Amino acid sequence: MRCCSVALVSAILLTSAILQHWFGDAGALAAAGVSGFADAHASAASIAQVFNAGQVDPGVAGIGVLIGFATNTISKTTIAFVAGGRSFAAPAAKPHRDAGRVRGVLLVR
């Protein structure tokens, strides 16, 4: 299982770098959103990688992290709703709903 996780994170990091190179900030944000459906941590790592390489500004990186977590919340809540209905999905979404109240992200280089 660990091998699959490493492969997933590696694929997301590579895809994010390619999209950022081809499409700039919009590509990095799109990669963060799409990768967030699979894994929030890989999404955040991919944005951190392009930020540390100096390819995106801190504001873009912060938005990318939030987009990745938002899309991950959507996918997890949808799976919980399908698996167990509304009563099962509501508690699964609550921590993410609270995290969505964050007004900003501080990235330190």
C-alpha atoms as a PDB file:
ATOM      1  CA  MET A   1       0.000   0.000   0.000  1.00  0.00           C
ATOM      2  CA  ARG A   2       2.849   2.377   0.811  1.00  0.00           C
ATOM      3  CA  CYS A   3       4.247   1.859  -2.679  1.00  0.00           C
ATOM      4  CA  CYS A   4       0.941   2.979  -4.214  1.00  0.00           C
ATOM      5  CA  SER A   5       0.950   6.120  -2.068  1.00  0.00           C
ATOM      6  CA  VAL A   6       4.476   6.984  -3.147  1.00  0.00           C
ATOM      7  CA  ALA A   7       3.529   6.458  -6.795  1.00  0.00           C
ATOM      8  CA  LEU A   8       0.415   8.639  -6.391  1.00  0.00           C
ATOM      9  CA  VAL A   9       2.320  11.486  -4.750  1.00  0.00           C
ATOM     10  CA  SER A  10       5.090  11.264  -7.356  1.00  0.00           C
ATOM     11  CA  ALA A  11       2.601  11.350 -10.224  1.00  0.00           C
ATOM     12  CA  ILE A  12       0.812  14.344  -8.704  1.00  0.00           C
ATOM     13  CA  LEU A  13       4.082  16.231  -8.162  1.00  0.00           C
ATOM     14  CA  LEU A  14       5.166  15.608 -11.747  1.00  0.00           C
ATOM     15  CA  THR A  15       1.789  16.541 -13.211  1.00  0.00           C
ATOM     16  CA  SER A  16       1.646  19.709 -11.136  1.00  0.00           C
ATOM     17  CA  ALA A  17       5.095  20.819 -12.277  1.00  0.00           C
ATOM     18  CA  ILE A  18       4.228  20.138 -15.931  1.00  0.00           C
ATOM     19  CA  LEU A  19       0.903  21.977 -15.757  1.00  0.00           C
ATOM     20  CA  GLN A  20       2.521  24.920 -13.997  1.00  0.00           C
ATOM     21  CA  HIS A  21       5.227  25.075 -16.657  1.00  0.00           C
ATOM     22  CA  TRP A  22       2.724  24.982 -19.527  1.00  0.00           C
ATOM     23  CA  PHE A  23      -0.094  27.114 -18.080  1.00  0.00           C
ATOM     24  CA  GLY A  24       1.496  29.138 -15.276  1.00  0.00           C
ATOM     25  CA  ASP A  25      -0.454  29.850 -12.103  1.00  0.00           C
ATOM     26  CA  ALA A  26      -3.706  28.543 -13.587  1.00  0.00           C
ATOM     27  CA  GLY A  27      -2.055  25.192 -14.310  1.00  0.00           C
ATOM     28  CA  ALA A  28      -0.712  24.909 -10.768  1.00  0.00           C
ATOM     29  CA  LEU A  29      -4.142  25.713  -9.312  1.00  0.00           C
ATOM     30  CA  ALA A  30      -5.869  23.246 -11.648  1.00  0.00           C
ATOM     31  CA  ALA A  31      -3.400  20.534 -10.653  1.00  0.00           C
ATOM     32  CA  ALA A  32      -4.010  21.285  -6.972  1.00  0.00           C
ATOM     33  CA  GLY A  33      -7.761  21.016  -7.461  1.00  0.00           C
ATOM     34  CA  VAL A  34      -7.694  17.794  -9.436  1.00  0.00           C
ATOM     35  CA  SER A  35      -5.104  16.145  -7.200  1.00  0.00           C
ATOM     36  CA  GLY A  36      -7.110  17.157  -4.136  1.00  0.00           C
ATOM     37  CA  PHE A  37      -9.847  14.743  -5.202  1.00  0.00           C
ATOM     38  CA  ALA A  38      -7.367  11.912  -4.635  1.00  0.00           C
ATOM     39  CA  ASP A  39      -5.221  13.125  -1.738  1.00  0.00           C
ATOM     40  CA  ALA A  40      -5.092  16.446   0.102  1.00  0.00           C
ATOM     41  CA  HIS A  41      -1.534  15.907   1.295  1.00  0.00           C
ATOM     42  CA  ALA A  42      -0.190  15.276  -2.202  1.00  0.00           C
ATOM     43  CA  SER A  43      -2.007  18.352  -3.429  1.00  0.00           C
ATOM     44  CA  ALA A  44      -0.421  20.512  -0.735  1.00  0.00           C
ATOM     45  CA  ALA A  45       2.999  18.970  -1.398  1.00  0.00           C
ATOM     46  CA  SER A  46       2.752  19.697  -5.114  1.00  0.00           C
ATOM     47  CA  ILE A  47       1.900  23.352  -4.507  1.00  0.00           C
ATOM     48  CA  ALA A  48       4.696  23.591  -1.932  1.00  0.00           C
ATOM     49  CA  GLN A  49       7.131  22.178  -4.469  1.00  0.00           C
ATOM     50  CA  VAL A  50       6.330  24.738  -7.167  1.00  0.00           C
ATOM     51  CA  PHE A  51       6.334  27.502  -4.522  1.00  0.00           C
ATOM     52  CA  ASN A  52       9.767  26.478  -3.207  1.00  0.00           C
ATOM     53  CA  ALA A  53      11.060  26.450  -6.787  1.00  0.00           C
ATOM     54  CA  GLY A  54       9.949  30.079  -7.055  1.00  0.00           C
ATOM     55  CA  GLN A  55       7.428  29.308  -9.783  1.00  0.00           C
ATOM     56  CA  VAL A  56       4.355  30.692  -7.985  1.00  0.00           C
ATOM     57  CA  ASP A  57       3.788  33.536  -5.541  1.00  0.00           C
ATOM     58  CA  PRO A  58       2.847  32.914  -1.888  1.00  0.00           C
ATOM     59  CA  GLY A  59      -0.752  33.999  -2.531  1.00  0.00           C
ATOM     60  CA  VAL A  60      -1.165  31.535  -5.389  1.00  0.00           C
ATOM     61  CA  ALA A  61       0.364  28.782  -3.267  1.00  0.00           C
ATOM     62  CA  GLY A  62      -2.027  29.522  -0.394  1.00  0.00           C
ATOM     63  CA  ILE A  63      -5.025  29.468  -2.701  1.00  0.00           C
ATOM     64  CA  GLY A  64      -3.754  26.204  -4.203  1.00  0.00           C
ATOM     65  CA  VAL A  65      -3.583  24.556  -0.787  1.00  0.00           C
ATOM     66  CA  LEU A  66      -7.127  25.702   0.009  1.00  0.00           C
ATOM     67  CA  ILE A  67      -8.385  24.454  -3.376  1.00  0.00           C
ATOM     68  CA  GLY A  68      -6.759  21.066  -2.797  1.00  0.00           C
ATOM     69  CA  PHE A  69      -8.340  20.709   0.639  1.00  0.00           C
ATOM     70  CA  ALA A  70     -11.710  21.872  -0.677  1.00  0.00           C
ATOM     71  CA  THR A  71     -11.781  19.338  -3.494  1.00  0.00           C
ATOM     72  CA  ASN A  72     -10.639  16.635  -1.098  1.00  0.00           C
ATOM     73  CA  THR A  73     -13.501  17.546   1.234  1.00  0.00           C
ATOM     74  CA  ILE A  74     -15.942  17.275  -1.658  1.00  0.00           C
ATOM     75  CA  SER A  75     -14.691  13.823  -2.624  1.00  0.00           C
ATOM     76  CA  LYS A  76     -14.618  12.491   0.957  1.00  0.00           C
ATOM     77  CA  THR A  77     -18.055  13.862   1.783  1.00  0.00           C
ATOM     78  CA  THR A  78     -19.498  12.438  -1.427  1.00  0.00           C
ATOM     79  CA  ILE A  79     -18.061   9.010  -0.663  1.00  0.00           C
ATOM     80  CA  ALA A  80     -19.400   9.192   2.895  1.00  0.00           C
ATOM     81  CA  PHE A  81     -22.838  10.231   1.627  1.00  0.00           C
ATOM     82  CA  VAL A  82     -22.985   7.380  -0.890  1.00  0.00           C
ATOM     83  CA  ALA A  83     -21.709   4.851   1.652  1.00  0.00           C
ATOM     84  CA  GLY A  84     -23.867   5.804   4.600  1.00  0.00           C
ATOM     85  CA  GLY A  85     -26.318   8.546   3.760  1.00  0.00           C
ATOM     86  CA  ARG A  86     -26.704  12.019   5.176  1.00  0.00           C
ATOM     87  CA  SER A  87     -26.303  11.044   8.829  1.00  0.00           C
ATOM     88  CA  PHE A  88     -22.938   9.430   8.029  1.00  0.00           C
ATOM     89  CA  ALA A  89     -21.691  12.228   5.755  1.00  0.00           C
ATOM     90  CA  ALA A  90     -22.521  15.183   8.023  1.00  0.00           C
ATOM     91  CA  PRO A  91     -19.947  14.382  10.747  1.00  0.00           C
ATOM     92  CA  ALA A  92     -17.370  13.569   8.080  1.00  0.00           C
ATOM     93  CA  ALA A  93     -17.748  17.053   6.588  1.00  0.00           C
ATOM     94  CA  LYS A  94     -17.797  19.027   9.859  1.00  0.00           C
ATOM     95  CA  PRO A  95     -14.030  19.318  10.499  1.00  0.00           C
ATOM     96  CA  HIS A  96     -13.530  20.457   6.929  1.00  0.00           C
ATOM     97  CA  ARG A  97     -16.374  22.954   7.197  1.00  0.00           C
ATOM     98  CA  ASP A  98     -14.648  24.475  10.203  1.00  0.00           C
ATOM     99  CA  ALA A  99     -11.299  24.560   8.398  1.00  0.00           C
ATOM    100  CA  GLY A 100     -12.960  26.394   5.522  1.00  0.00           C
ATOM    101  CA  ARG A 101     -13.394  29.419   7.776  1.00  0.00           C
ATOM    102  CA  VAL A 102      -9.689  30.155   7.516  1.00  0.00           C
ATOM    103  CA  ARG A 103      -9.278  33.644   6.080  1.00  0.00           C
ATOM    104  CA  GLY A 104      -5.669  33.336   4.921  1.00  0.00           C
ATOM    105  CA  VAL A 105      -2.599  31.174   4.717  1.00  0.00           C
ATOM    106  CA  LEU A 106       0.893  32.274   5.659  1.00  0.00           C
ATOM    107  CA  LEU A 107       3.671  30.610   3.722  1.00  0.00           C
ATOM    108  CA  VAL A 108       7.224  31.175   4.895  1.00  0.00           C
ATOM    109  CA  ARG A 109       9.988  30.674   2.443  1.00  0.00           C
END
